[in-house]
């Protein structure tokens, strides 16, 4: 390895300017740039195209790092639209409308490793790429050393936790070098927000040039 290759690897994967280009509305950009760089270094994600894909997906999923906790506050009508199989009628949804804790426990309880009372709420979606369920929290904690089982709320309040969890999720779920449609499905489960993800990706790549 030449000295200039080492210099390239030593540079932060996410500079403050790059983060601002990727996520114009991001708060605390210096801290987030540092933590995302550390997380990507831990995950050995250095390729510029993959970094761009990661940032594009994180930016959309978290609304520029401003939405780091799952919204569980729905009207009954909205519940029938979001989870039509689980809440097929307004009557079925009514007990959980505008009741986030009850909704999380009912929706997530008994699955995704949620075996204890209250686990659905305790391990609801958090982080830039939201982790959901005790099993995912535990797997991420084991891989990263983060104290997610005892302090799950830190995923939504500490950039270090959020950045590391997002990098872990990427390693665990995303196919390296895949196209943006495939990656979006792996991150989101569908094509939601695909146009915005594409715009972000192209903007980040342009910033790299």
N, C-alpha and C. Protein backbone atom coordinates (compact mmCIF):
# COMPACT_ATOMS: atom_id res chain seq x y z
N UNK A 1 0.85 -1.20 0.00
CA UNK A 1 0.00 0.00 0.00
C UNK A 1 0.88 1.25 0.00
N UNK A 2 0.61 2.17 -0.89
CA UNK A 2 1.36 3.42 -0.96
C UNK A 2 0.88 4.38 0.13
N UNK A 3 1.73 5.37 0.41
CA UNK A 3 1.38 6.32 1.46
C UNK A 3 0.10 7.06 1.14
N UNK A 4 -0.16 7.34 -0.17
CA UNK A 4 -1.36 8.10 -0.51
C UNK A 4 -2.61 7.24 -0.36
N UNK A 5 -2.48 5.90 -0.46
CA UNK A 5 -3.62 5.03 -0.17
C UNK A 5 -3.96 5.08 1.31
N UNK A 6 -2.92 5.08 2.15
CA UNK A 6 -3.14 5.17 3.59
C UNK A 6 -3.80 6.49 3.95
N UNK A 7 -3.37 7.57 3.27
CA UNK A 7 -3.97 8.88 3.53
C UNK A 7 -5.45 8.86 3.16
N UNK A 8 -5.79 8.23 2.05
CA UNK A 8 -7.18 8.15 1.62
C UNK A 8 -8.02 7.41 2.66
N UNK A 9 -7.48 6.30 3.19
CA UNK A 9 -8.21 5.53 4.19
C UNK A 9 -8.33 6.30 5.50
N UNK A 10 -7.36 7.19 5.78
CA UNK A 10 -7.39 7.93 7.04
C UNK A 10 -8.41 9.05 7.02
N UNK A 11 -8.80 9.48 5.84
CA UNK A 11 -9.78 10.56 5.76
C UNK A 11 -11.15 10.08 6.24
N UNK A 12 -11.91 10.94 6.88
CA UNK A 12 -13.25 10.52 7.30
C UNK A 12 -14.13 10.21 6.10
N UNK A 13 -14.87 9.12 6.20
CA UNK A 13 -15.77 8.75 5.10
C UNK A 13 -16.86 9.79 4.92
N UNK A 14 -17.23 10.44 6.04
CA UNK A 14 -18.31 11.43 6.00
C UNK A 14 -17.79 12.75 6.56
N UNK A 15 -17.44 13.65 5.69
CA UNK A 15 -17.04 14.99 6.13
C UNK A 15 -18.28 15.80 6.46
N UNK A 16 -18.08 16.91 7.13
CA UNK A 16 -19.20 17.80 7.44
C UNK A 16 -19.86 18.29 6.15
N UNK A 17 -19.05 18.65 5.16
CA UNK A 17 -19.61 19.13 3.89
C UNK A 17 -20.41 18.05 3.18
N UNK A 18 -19.90 16.82 3.22
CA UNK A 18 -20.61 15.71 2.58
C UNK A 18 -21.94 15.44 3.27
N UNK A 19 -21.92 15.47 4.60
CA UNK A 19 -23.16 15.23 5.34
C UNK A 19 -24.19 16.31 5.04
N UNK A 20 -23.74 17.54 4.94
CA UNK A 20 -24.67 18.63 4.61
C UNK A 20 -25.25 18.46 3.21
N UNK A 21 -24.43 17.96 2.28
CA UNK A 21 -24.94 17.71 0.93
C UNK A 21 -25.93 16.55 0.93
N UNK A 22 -25.64 15.54 1.74
CA UNK A 22 -26.50 14.35 1.78
C UNK A 22 -27.80 14.62 2.51
N UNK A 23 -27.69 15.37 3.62
CA UNK A 23 -28.85 15.60 4.48
C UNK A 23 -28.87 17.07 4.90
N UNK A 24 -29.41 17.94 4.06
CA UNK A 24 -29.37 19.38 4.33
C UNK A 24 -30.01 19.79 5.65
N UNK A 25 -30.96 19.01 6.13
CA UNK A 25 -31.64 19.37 7.37
C UNK A 25 -31.09 18.72 8.61
N UNK A 26 -29.95 18.06 8.49
CA UNK A 26 -29.40 17.31 9.63
C UNK A 26 -28.96 18.23 10.76
N UNK A 27 -29.26 17.87 12.02
CA UNK A 27 -28.78 18.64 13.16
C UNK A 27 -27.40 18.13 13.58
N UNK A 28 -26.70 18.91 14.38
CA UNK A 28 -25.44 18.45 15.00
C UNK A 28 -24.52 17.79 13.97
N UNK A 29 -24.30 18.47 12.86
CA UNK A 29 -23.62 17.83 11.73
C UNK A 29 -22.18 17.41 12.06
N UNK A 30 -21.48 18.14 12.88
CA UNK A 30 -20.11 17.76 13.20
C UNK A 30 -20.07 16.45 13.98
N UNK A 31 -20.93 16.33 14.98
CA UNK A 31 -20.97 15.09 15.76
C UNK A 31 -21.42 13.91 14.90
N UNK A 32 -22.47 14.12 14.12
CA UNK A 32 -22.96 13.04 13.28
C UNK A 32 -21.92 12.64 12.23
N UNK A 33 -21.22 13.60 11.65
CA UNK A 33 -20.19 13.28 10.65
C UNK A 33 -19.10 12.41 11.28
N UNK A 34 -18.68 12.77 12.48
CA UNK A 34 -17.66 11.98 13.18
C UNK A 34 -18.16 10.57 13.47
N UNK A 35 -19.37 10.47 14.00
CA UNK A 35 -19.87 9.15 14.40
C UNK A 35 -20.18 8.26 13.20
N UNK A 36 -20.71 8.84 12.14
CA UNK A 36 -20.95 8.05 10.93
C UNK A 36 -19.64 7.59 10.31
N UNK A 37 -18.62 8.44 10.35
CA UNK A 37 -17.30 8.04 9.84
C UNK A 37 -16.74 6.88 10.65
N UNK A 38 -16.85 6.97 11.97
CA UNK A 38 -16.37 5.88 12.84
C UNK A 38 -17.12 4.59 12.56
N UNK A 39 -18.42 4.70 12.40
CA UNK A 39 -19.24 3.51 12.17
C UNK A 39 -18.91 2.87 10.83
N UNK A 40 -18.72 3.68 9.80
CA UNK A 40 -18.39 3.13 8.49
C UNK A 40 -16.99 2.51 8.50
N UNK A 41 -16.07 3.10 9.26
CA UNK A 41 -14.74 2.51 9.39
C UNK A 41 -14.83 1.15 10.09
N UNK A 42 -15.65 1.08 11.14
CA UNK A 42 -15.86 -0.20 11.85
C UNK A 42 -16.41 -1.24 10.89
N UNK A 43 -17.34 -0.84 10.04
CA UNK A 43 -17.97 -1.77 9.10
C UNK A 43 -17.13 -2.01 7.84
N UNK A 44 -15.98 -1.31 7.76
CA UNK A 44 -15.10 -1.41 6.59
C UNK A 44 -15.82 -1.03 5.29
N UNK A 45 -16.65 -0.03 5.39
CA UNK A 45 -17.34 0.51 4.22
C UNK A 45 -16.58 1.75 3.77
N UNK A 46 -15.83 1.63 2.68
CA UNK A 46 -14.97 2.73 2.23
C UNK A 46 -15.27 3.16 0.80
N UNK A 47 -15.83 2.26 0.01
CA UNK A 47 -16.13 2.58 -1.39
C UNK A 47 -17.07 3.78 -1.47
N UNK A 48 -16.73 4.76 -2.29
CA UNK A 48 -17.50 5.99 -2.34
C UNK A 48 -18.95 5.75 -2.76
N UNK A 49 -19.16 4.84 -3.70
CA UNK A 49 -20.53 4.56 -4.14
C UNK A 49 -21.34 3.92 -3.02
N UNK A 50 -20.70 3.04 -2.24
CA UNK A 50 -21.44 2.41 -1.15
C UNK A 50 -21.70 3.39 -0.02
N UNK A 51 -20.73 4.25 0.27
CA UNK A 51 -20.95 5.31 1.27
C UNK A 51 -22.11 6.19 0.83
N UNK A 52 -22.14 6.54 -0.45
CA UNK A 52 -23.24 7.37 -0.98
C UNK A 52 -24.57 6.66 -0.84
N UNK A 53 -24.61 5.37 -1.13
CA UNK A 53 -25.85 4.60 -1.01
C UNK A 53 -26.30 4.55 0.45
N UNK A 54 -25.35 4.33 1.34
CA UNK A 54 -25.65 4.29 2.78
C UNK A 54 -26.25 5.61 3.24
N UNK A 55 -25.60 6.71 2.89
CA UNK A 55 -26.08 8.02 3.33
C UNK A 55 -27.42 8.37 2.71
N UNK A 56 -27.63 7.98 1.46
CA UNK A 56 -28.92 8.26 0.82
C UNK A 56 -30.05 7.53 1.53
N UNK A 57 -29.81 6.28 1.89
CA UNK A 57 -30.83 5.50 2.58
C UNK A 57 -31.06 6.01 4.00
N UNK A 58 -29.99 6.29 4.71
CA UNK A 58 -30.11 6.83 6.07
C UNK A 58 -30.83 8.17 6.05
N UNK A 59 -30.47 9.02 5.09
CA UNK A 59 -31.10 10.34 5.01
C UNK A 59 -32.59 10.27 4.81
N UNK A 60 -33.02 9.37 3.92
CA UNK A 60 -34.46 9.24 3.70
C UNK A 60 -35.15 8.61 4.90
N UNK A 61 -34.60 7.50 5.39
CA UNK A 61 -35.25 6.77 6.48
C UNK A 61 -35.44 7.63 7.73
N UNK A 62 -34.48 8.50 7.99
CA UNK A 62 -34.50 9.29 9.23
C UNK A 62 -34.91 10.74 9.03
N UNK A 63 -35.34 11.09 7.81
CA UNK A 63 -35.67 12.49 7.51
C UNK A 63 -34.53 13.42 7.94
N UNK A 64 -33.36 13.17 7.37
CA UNK A 64 -32.16 13.97 7.68
C UNK A 64 -31.78 13.88 9.15
N UNK A 65 -31.85 12.68 9.71
CA UNK A 65 -31.44 12.42 11.09
C UNK A 65 -32.28 13.18 12.11
N UNK A 66 -33.50 13.51 11.74
CA UNK A 66 -34.40 14.20 12.68
C UNK A 66 -35.48 13.27 13.21
N UNK A 67 -35.66 12.11 12.59
CA UNK A 67 -36.69 11.16 13.03
C UNK A 67 -36.01 9.85 13.38
N UNK A 68 -35.74 9.66 14.67
CA UNK A 68 -34.95 8.52 15.12
C UNK A 68 -35.74 7.56 15.99
N UNK A 69 -37.03 7.74 16.05
CA UNK A 69 -37.88 6.84 16.84
C UNK A 69 -39.19 6.63 16.11
N UNK A 70 -39.64 5.39 16.08
CA UNK A 70 -40.85 5.04 15.35
C UNK A 70 -42.07 5.77 15.91
N UNK A 71 -42.85 6.33 15.03
CA UNK A 71 -44.10 6.96 15.44
C UNK A 71 -45.17 5.89 15.62
N UNK A 72 -45.69 5.77 16.82
CA UNK A 72 -46.74 4.79 17.10
C UNK A 72 -48.05 5.48 17.48
N UNK A 73 -48.15 6.75 17.13
CA UNK A 73 -49.33 7.54 17.51
C UNK A 73 -50.23 7.72 16.29
N UNK A 74 -51.17 6.79 16.10
CA UNK A 74 -52.02 6.78 14.91
C UNK A 74 -53.50 6.93 15.27
N UNK A 75 -54.24 7.46 14.33
CA UNK A 75 -55.70 7.40 14.44
C UNK A 75 -56.14 5.99 14.07
N UNK A 76 -57.38 5.66 14.42
CA UNK A 76 -57.91 4.34 14.07
C UNK A 76 -57.93 4.15 12.56
N UNK A 77 -58.33 5.17 11.83
CA UNK A 77 -58.37 5.07 10.37
C UNK A 77 -56.99 4.79 9.79
N UNK A 78 -56.00 5.48 10.31
CA UNK A 78 -54.65 5.29 9.80
C UNK A 78 -54.13 3.88 10.12
N UNK A 79 -54.51 3.35 11.26
CA UNK A 79 -54.09 1.99 11.60
C UNK A 79 -54.62 0.97 10.60
N UNK A 80 -55.84 1.17 10.14
CA UNK A 80 -56.40 0.24 9.15
C UNK A 80 -55.66 0.34 7.81
N UNK A 81 -54.98 1.46 7.58
CA UNK A 81 -54.22 1.63 6.34
C UNK A 81 -52.79 1.10 6.46
N UNK A 82 -52.18 1.31 7.63
CA UNK A 82 -50.80 0.89 7.84
C UNK A 82 -50.70 -0.61 8.08
N UNK A 83 -51.59 -1.14 8.91
CA UNK A 83 -51.60 -2.57 9.23
C UNK A 83 -52.99 -3.15 8.96
N UNK A 84 -53.38 -3.24 7.70
CA UNK A 84 -54.75 -3.67 7.38
C UNK A 84 -55.07 -5.10 7.82
N UNK A 85 -54.08 -5.98 7.83
CA UNK A 85 -54.35 -7.35 8.27
C UNK A 85 -54.54 -7.43 9.78
N UNK A 86 -53.76 -6.66 10.49
CA UNK A 86 -53.84 -6.70 11.95
C UNK A 86 -55.02 -5.87 12.46
N UNK A 87 -55.32 -4.78 11.77
CA UNK A 87 -56.43 -3.90 12.17
C UNK A 87 -57.35 -3.69 10.96
N UNK A 88 -58.15 -4.69 10.63
CA UNK A 88 -58.96 -4.63 9.41
C UNK A 88 -60.14 -3.68 9.48
N UNK A 89 -60.57 -3.33 10.70
CA UNK A 89 -61.74 -2.46 10.85
C UNK A 89 -61.43 -1.35 11.85
N UNK A 90 -62.24 -0.31 11.81
CA UNK A 90 -62.08 0.78 12.78
C UNK A 90 -62.31 0.28 14.20
N UNK A 91 -63.22 -0.69 14.35
CA UNK A 91 -63.51 -1.24 15.68
C UNK A 91 -62.29 -1.98 16.23
N UNK A 92 -61.61 -2.72 15.37
CA UNK A 92 -60.42 -3.45 15.81
C UNK A 92 -59.28 -2.50 16.17
N UNK A 93 -59.21 -1.37 15.48
CA UNK A 93 -58.13 -0.42 15.70
C UNK A 93 -58.39 0.52 16.87
N UNK A 94 -59.64 0.73 17.22
CA UNK A 94 -60.01 1.75 18.21
C UNK A 94 -59.26 1.66 19.54
N UNK A 95 -59.07 0.47 20.14
CA UNK A 95 -58.39 0.41 21.44
C UNK A 95 -56.93 0.89 21.39
N UNK A 96 -56.35 0.94 20.21
CA UNK A 96 -54.93 1.28 20.09
C UNK A 96 -54.70 2.65 19.44
N UNK A 97 -55.78 3.30 19.05
CA UNK A 97 -55.66 4.62 18.43
C UNK A 97 -55.19 5.64 19.46
N UNK A 98 -54.20 6.43 19.08
CA UNK A 98 -53.63 7.46 19.96
C UNK A 98 -53.15 6.87 21.29
N UNK A 99 -52.69 5.62 21.24
CA UNK A 99 -52.20 4.93 22.43
C UNK A 99 -50.91 4.20 22.05
N UNK A 100 -49.81 4.95 21.91
CA UNK A 100 -48.58 4.38 21.35
C UNK A 100 -48.06 3.14 22.08
N UNK A 101 -48.07 3.18 23.39
CA UNK A 101 -47.52 2.04 24.14
C UNK A 101 -48.34 0.78 23.92
N UNK A 102 -49.66 0.91 24.01
CA UNK A 102 -50.53 -0.24 23.79
C UNK A 102 -50.40 -0.75 22.36
N UNK A 103 -50.29 0.17 21.41
CA UNK A 103 -50.16 -0.22 20.01
C UNK A 103 -48.87 -1.01 19.78
N UNK A 104 -47.76 -0.52 20.31
CA UNK A 104 -46.48 -1.20 20.11
C UNK A 104 -46.50 -2.59 20.73
N UNK A 105 -47.04 -2.70 21.94
CA UNK A 105 -47.07 -4.00 22.60
C UNK A 105 -47.99 -4.98 21.88
N UNK A 106 -49.10 -4.49 21.37
CA UNK A 106 -50.02 -5.37 20.65
C UNK A 106 -49.48 -5.76 19.28
N UNK A 107 -48.87 -4.81 18.59
CA UNK A 107 -48.39 -5.06 17.23
C UNK A 107 -47.12 -5.91 17.21
N UNK A 108 -46.22 -5.64 18.14
CA UNK A 108 -44.92 -6.31 18.12
C UNK A 108 -44.75 -7.39 19.17
N UNK A 109 -45.66 -7.47 20.12
CA UNK A 109 -45.54 -8.48 21.18
C UNK A 109 -45.60 -9.89 20.64
N UNK A 110 -44.76 -10.77 21.17
CA UNK A 110 -44.79 -12.17 20.78
C UNK A 110 -44.08 -12.49 19.48
N UNK A 111 -43.39 -11.53 18.91
CA UNK A 111 -42.62 -11.79 17.69
C UNK A 111 -41.36 -10.94 17.69
N UNK A 112 -40.46 -11.20 16.76
CA UNK A 112 -39.17 -10.51 16.67
C UNK A 112 -38.38 -10.61 17.97
N UNK A 113 -38.56 -11.72 18.67
CA UNK A 113 -37.85 -11.93 19.92
C UNK A 113 -38.47 -11.25 21.12
N UNK A 114 -39.60 -10.61 20.94
CA UNK A 114 -40.28 -9.92 22.04
C UNK A 114 -41.08 -10.93 22.85
N UNK A 115 -40.49 -11.41 23.93
CA UNK A 115 -41.11 -12.46 24.74
C UNK A 115 -41.56 -11.99 26.11
N UNK A 116 -41.05 -10.86 26.56
CA UNK A 116 -41.39 -10.35 27.88
C UNK A 116 -42.49 -9.30 27.77
N UNK A 117 -43.33 -9.17 28.81
CA UNK A 117 -44.35 -8.12 28.79
C UNK A 117 -43.71 -6.74 28.59
N UNK A 118 -44.25 -5.97 27.69
CA UNK A 118 -43.73 -4.63 27.43
C UNK A 118 -42.61 -4.57 26.40
N UNK A 119 -42.17 -5.73 25.90
CA UNK A 119 -41.07 -5.72 24.93
C UNK A 119 -41.42 -4.99 23.63
N UNK A 120 -42.67 -5.07 23.22
CA UNK A 120 -43.05 -4.40 21.97
C UNK A 120 -42.77 -2.91 22.02
N UNK A 121 -43.10 -2.29 23.15
CA UNK A 121 -42.84 -0.87 23.34
C UNK A 121 -41.37 -0.62 23.63
N UNK A 122 -40.78 -1.47 24.46
CA UNK A 122 -39.38 -1.29 24.87
C UNK A 122 -38.44 -1.35 23.66
N UNK A 123 -38.74 -2.24 22.73
CA UNK A 123 -37.86 -2.43 21.58
C UNK A 123 -38.54 -2.02 20.28
N UNK A 124 -39.27 -0.91 20.34
CA UNK A 124 -39.89 -0.36 19.14
C UNK A 124 -38.79 0.19 18.22
N UNK A 125 -39.17 0.58 17.02
CA UNK A 125 -38.19 1.03 16.05
C UNK A 125 -37.45 2.28 16.50
N UNK A 126 -36.12 2.20 16.46
CA UNK A 126 -35.27 3.34 16.81
C UNK A 126 -34.02 3.33 15.93
N UNK A 127 -33.45 4.54 15.77
CA UNK A 127 -32.20 4.68 15.04
C UNK A 127 -32.40 5.22 13.63
N UNK A 128 -31.33 5.64 12.97
CA UNK A 128 -31.43 6.18 11.60
C UNK A 128 -32.01 5.17 10.61
N UNK A 129 -31.62 3.90 10.73
CA UNK A 129 -32.30 2.81 10.05
C UNK A 129 -32.89 1.99 11.18
N UNK A 130 -34.18 2.09 11.37
CA UNK A 130 -34.77 1.65 12.62
C UNK A 130 -34.62 0.16 12.89
N UNK A 131 -34.04 -0.13 14.07
CA UNK A 131 -34.04 -1.49 14.59
C UNK A 131 -35.35 -1.70 15.33
N UNK A 132 -35.95 -2.86 15.17
CA UNK A 132 -37.20 -3.18 15.83
C UNK A 132 -37.13 -4.59 16.38
N UNK A 133 -37.54 -4.76 17.64
CA UNK A 133 -37.62 -6.08 18.24
C UNK A 133 -36.40 -6.45 19.07
N UNK A 134 -36.65 -7.16 20.16
CA UNK A 134 -35.58 -7.57 21.07
C UNK A 134 -34.48 -8.36 20.34
N UNK A 135 -34.88 -9.24 19.43
CA UNK A 135 -33.89 -10.06 18.72
C UNK A 135 -32.90 -9.20 17.94
N UNK A 136 -33.39 -8.23 17.20
CA UNK A 136 -32.49 -7.36 16.44
C UNK A 136 -31.64 -6.49 17.36
N UNK A 137 -32.22 -5.99 18.43
CA UNK A 137 -31.44 -5.21 19.40
C UNK A 137 -30.31 -6.07 19.97
N UNK A 138 -30.63 -7.32 20.32
CA UNK A 138 -29.64 -8.22 20.92
C UNK A 138 -28.53 -8.57 19.93
N UNK A 139 -28.89 -8.84 18.70
CA UNK A 139 -27.89 -9.18 17.70
C UNK A 139 -26.97 -8.00 17.42
N UNK A 140 -27.55 -6.81 17.33
CA UNK A 140 -26.74 -5.61 17.12
C UNK A 140 -25.83 -5.36 18.32
N UNK A 141 -26.37 -5.52 19.51
CA UNK A 141 -25.58 -5.31 20.73
C UNK A 141 -24.38 -6.26 20.78
N UNK A 142 -24.61 -7.51 20.42
CA UNK A 142 -23.53 -8.50 20.45
C UNK A 142 -22.43 -8.15 19.46
N UNK A 143 -22.81 -7.68 18.28
CA UNK A 143 -21.83 -7.37 17.24
C UNK A 143 -21.07 -6.08 17.52
N UNK A 144 -21.72 -5.12 18.14
CA UNK A 144 -21.12 -3.78 18.28
C UNK A 144 -20.64 -3.45 19.69
N UNK A 145 -21.14 -4.18 20.68
CA UNK A 145 -20.81 -3.85 22.06
C UNK A 145 -21.68 -2.76 22.66
N UNK A 146 -22.67 -2.29 21.92
CA UNK A 146 -23.58 -1.27 22.43
C UNK A 146 -24.52 -1.88 23.47
N UNK A 147 -24.86 -1.10 24.47
CA UNK A 147 -25.73 -1.60 25.55
C UNK A 147 -27.20 -1.38 25.20
N UNK A 148 -27.65 -2.10 24.19
CA UNK A 148 -28.98 -1.85 23.65
C UNK A 148 -30.10 -2.53 24.43
N UNK A 149 -29.81 -3.61 25.10
CA UNK A 149 -30.85 -4.30 25.85
C UNK A 149 -31.19 -3.54 27.12
N UNK A 150 -30.17 -3.04 27.79
CA UNK A 150 -30.40 -2.29 29.03
C UNK A 150 -30.73 -0.83 28.79
N UNK A 151 -30.27 -0.29 27.66
CA UNK A 151 -30.51 1.13 27.36
C UNK A 151 -30.97 1.30 25.91
N UNK A 152 -32.11 0.73 25.55
CA UNK A 152 -32.56 0.80 24.15
C UNK A 152 -32.82 2.22 23.65
N UNK A 153 -33.16 3.12 24.57
CA UNK A 153 -33.48 4.49 24.19
C UNK A 153 -32.28 5.24 23.59
N UNK A 154 -31.05 4.76 23.88
CA UNK A 154 -29.87 5.46 23.39
C UNK A 154 -29.76 5.42 21.87
N UNK A 155 -30.44 4.48 21.24
CA UNK A 155 -30.45 4.45 19.77
C UNK A 155 -31.05 5.73 19.18
N UNK A 156 -31.94 6.33 19.92
CA UNK A 156 -32.62 7.53 19.42
C UNK A 156 -32.05 8.83 19.99
N UNK A 157 -31.13 8.72 20.95
CA UNK A 157 -30.65 9.93 21.61
C UNK A 157 -29.15 10.16 21.49
N UNK A 158 -28.38 9.13 21.15
CA UNK A 158 -26.92 9.27 21.04
C UNK A 158 -26.48 8.96 19.61
N UNK A 159 -25.89 9.94 18.91
CA UNK A 159 -25.43 9.69 17.55
C UNK A 159 -24.51 8.47 17.41
N UNK A 160 -23.66 8.23 18.40
CA UNK A 160 -22.77 7.07 18.30
C UNK A 160 -23.57 5.78 18.20
N UNK A 161 -24.57 5.66 19.03
CA UNK A 161 -25.40 4.44 19.01
C UNK A 161 -26.16 4.33 17.69
N UNK A 162 -26.75 5.43 17.27
CA UNK A 162 -27.51 5.40 16.03
C UNK A 162 -26.65 5.08 14.82
N UNK A 163 -25.47 5.68 14.75
CA UNK A 163 -24.58 5.45 13.61
C UNK A 163 -24.08 4.01 13.57
N UNK A 164 -23.68 3.48 14.72
CA UNK A 164 -23.19 2.11 14.77
C UNK A 164 -24.29 1.11 14.42
N UNK A 165 -25.48 1.34 14.92
CA UNK A 165 -26.59 0.44 14.63
C UNK A 165 -26.94 0.45 13.15
N UNK A 166 -26.88 1.63 12.53
CA UNK A 166 -27.15 1.72 11.10
C UNK A 166 -26.10 0.97 10.29
N UNK A 167 -24.84 1.10 10.69
CA UNK A 167 -23.76 0.39 9.99
C UNK A 167 -23.91 -1.12 10.17
N UNK A 168 -24.28 -1.54 11.39
CA UNK A 168 -24.50 -2.98 11.62
C UNK A 168 -25.64 -3.49 10.75
N UNK A 169 -26.73 -2.76 10.71
CA UNK A 169 -27.87 -3.18 9.89
C UNK A 169 -27.44 -3.32 8.43
N UNK A 170 -26.64 -2.38 7.96
CA UNK A 170 -26.18 -2.41 6.58
C UNK A 170 -25.39 -3.69 6.29
N UNK A 171 -24.47 -4.02 7.19
CA UNK A 171 -23.69 -5.25 7.01
C UNK A 171 -24.58 -6.48 7.06
N UNK A 172 -25.59 -6.44 7.90
CA UNK A 172 -26.43 -7.60 8.13
C UNK A 172 -27.44 -7.84 7.01
N UNK A 173 -27.94 -6.77 6.40
CA UNK A 173 -29.09 -6.90 5.49
C UNK A 173 -28.84 -6.50 4.04
N UNK A 174 -27.85 -5.65 3.80
CA UNK A 174 -27.72 -5.05 2.47
C UNK A 174 -26.66 -5.78 1.64
N UNK A 175 -27.00 -6.05 0.40
CA UNK A 175 -26.09 -6.72 -0.53
C UNK A 175 -25.10 -5.70 -1.10
N UNK A 176 -23.79 -5.88 -0.87
CA UNK A 176 -22.81 -4.93 -1.39
C UNK A 176 -22.91 -4.79 -2.90
N UNK A 177 -22.90 -3.55 -3.37
CA UNK A 177 -22.92 -3.30 -4.80
C UNK A 177 -24.28 -3.43 -5.47
N UNK A 178 -25.32 -3.68 -4.69
CA UNK A 178 -26.66 -3.84 -5.27
C UNK A 178 -27.19 -2.50 -5.78
N UNK A 179 -28.13 -2.57 -6.71
CA UNK A 179 -28.73 -1.35 -7.25
C UNK A 179 -29.67 -0.72 -6.21
N UNK A 180 -30.06 0.50 -6.46
CA UNK A 180 -30.79 1.26 -5.45
C UNK A 180 -32.18 0.69 -5.17
N UNK A 181 -32.80 0.06 -6.15
CA UNK A 181 -34.11 -0.55 -5.91
C UNK A 181 -33.96 -1.73 -4.95
N UNK A 182 -32.96 -2.57 -5.20
CA UNK A 182 -32.72 -3.72 -4.33
C UNK A 182 -32.39 -3.27 -2.91
N UNK A 183 -31.50 -2.29 -2.79
CA UNK A 183 -31.10 -1.81 -1.47
C UNK A 183 -32.30 -1.20 -0.74
N UNK A 184 -33.11 -0.43 -1.45
CA UNK A 184 -34.29 0.17 -0.83
C UNK A 184 -35.22 -0.90 -0.28
N UNK A 185 -35.42 -1.97 -1.02
CA UNK A 185 -36.26 -3.07 -0.54
C UNK A 185 -35.64 -3.72 0.69
N UNK A 186 -34.32 -3.85 0.72
CA UNK A 186 -33.66 -4.47 1.85
C UNK A 186 -33.71 -3.60 3.10
N UNK A 187 -33.72 -2.30 2.90
CA UNK A 187 -33.77 -1.36 4.03
C UNK A 187 -35.21 -1.11 4.48
N UNK A 188 -36.09 -0.92 3.52
CA UNK A 188 -37.45 -0.46 3.81
C UNK A 188 -38.52 -1.52 3.68
N UNK A 189 -38.22 -2.58 2.95
CA UNK A 189 -39.22 -3.61 2.72
C UNK A 189 -40.05 -3.38 1.48
N UNK A 190 -39.87 -2.24 0.84
CA UNK A 190 -40.61 -1.91 -0.38
C UNK A 190 -39.86 -0.85 -1.15
N UNK A 191 -40.59 -0.06 -1.93
CA UNK A 191 -39.98 1.00 -2.72
C UNK A 191 -40.35 2.39 -2.21
N UNK A 192 -40.81 2.48 -1.00
CA UNK A 192 -41.26 3.76 -0.45
C UNK A 192 -40.14 4.81 -0.54
N UNK A 193 -40.47 5.96 -1.10
CA UNK A 193 -39.52 7.06 -1.17
C UNK A 193 -38.38 6.85 -2.14
N UNK A 194 -38.58 5.99 -3.13
CA UNK A 194 -37.48 5.65 -4.04
C UNK A 194 -36.93 6.87 -4.77
N UNK A 195 -37.80 7.76 -5.22
CA UNK A 195 -37.33 8.94 -5.95
C UNK A 195 -36.44 9.82 -5.08
N UNK A 196 -36.83 10.00 -3.83
CA UNK A 196 -36.01 10.81 -2.92
C UNK A 196 -34.67 10.13 -2.66
N UNK A 197 -34.67 8.83 -2.49
CA UNK A 197 -33.42 8.10 -2.26
C UNK A 197 -32.49 8.24 -3.47
N UNK A 198 -33.06 8.18 -4.67
CA UNK A 198 -32.26 8.35 -5.89
C UNK A 198 -31.66 9.75 -5.96
N UNK A 199 -32.47 10.75 -5.65
CA UNK A 199 -31.97 12.13 -5.70
C UNK A 199 -30.82 12.32 -4.71
N UNK A 200 -30.99 11.79 -3.53
CA UNK A 200 -29.93 11.90 -2.52
C UNK A 200 -28.65 11.21 -3.00
N UNK A 201 -28.81 10.01 -3.51
CA UNK A 201 -27.65 9.24 -3.98
C UNK A 201 -26.89 10.00 -5.06
N UNK A 202 -27.61 10.52 -6.03
CA UNK A 202 -26.97 11.26 -7.12
C UNK A 202 -26.31 12.54 -6.62
N UNK A 203 -26.95 13.20 -5.66
CA UNK A 203 -26.38 14.43 -5.10
C UNK A 203 -25.08 14.14 -4.35
N UNK A 204 -25.06 13.04 -3.62
CA UNK A 204 -23.85 12.68 -2.86
C UNK A 204 -22.72 12.30 -3.81
N UNK A 205 -23.02 11.51 -4.84
CA UNK A 205 -21.99 11.15 -5.81
C UNK A 205 -21.44 12.39 -6.50
N UNK A 206 -22.30 13.34 -6.82
CA UNK A 206 -21.85 14.57 -7.46
C UNK A 206 -20.92 15.35 -6.54
N UNK A 207 -21.20 15.32 -5.26
CA UNK A 207 -20.35 16.01 -4.29
C UNK A 207 -18.97 15.36 -4.22
N UNK A 208 -18.92 14.05 -4.42
CA UNK A 208 -17.65 13.31 -4.38
C UNK A 208 -16.74 13.67 -5.55
N UNK A 209 -17.32 14.08 -6.67
CA UNK A 209 -16.52 14.29 -7.88
C UNK A 209 -15.65 15.54 -7.79
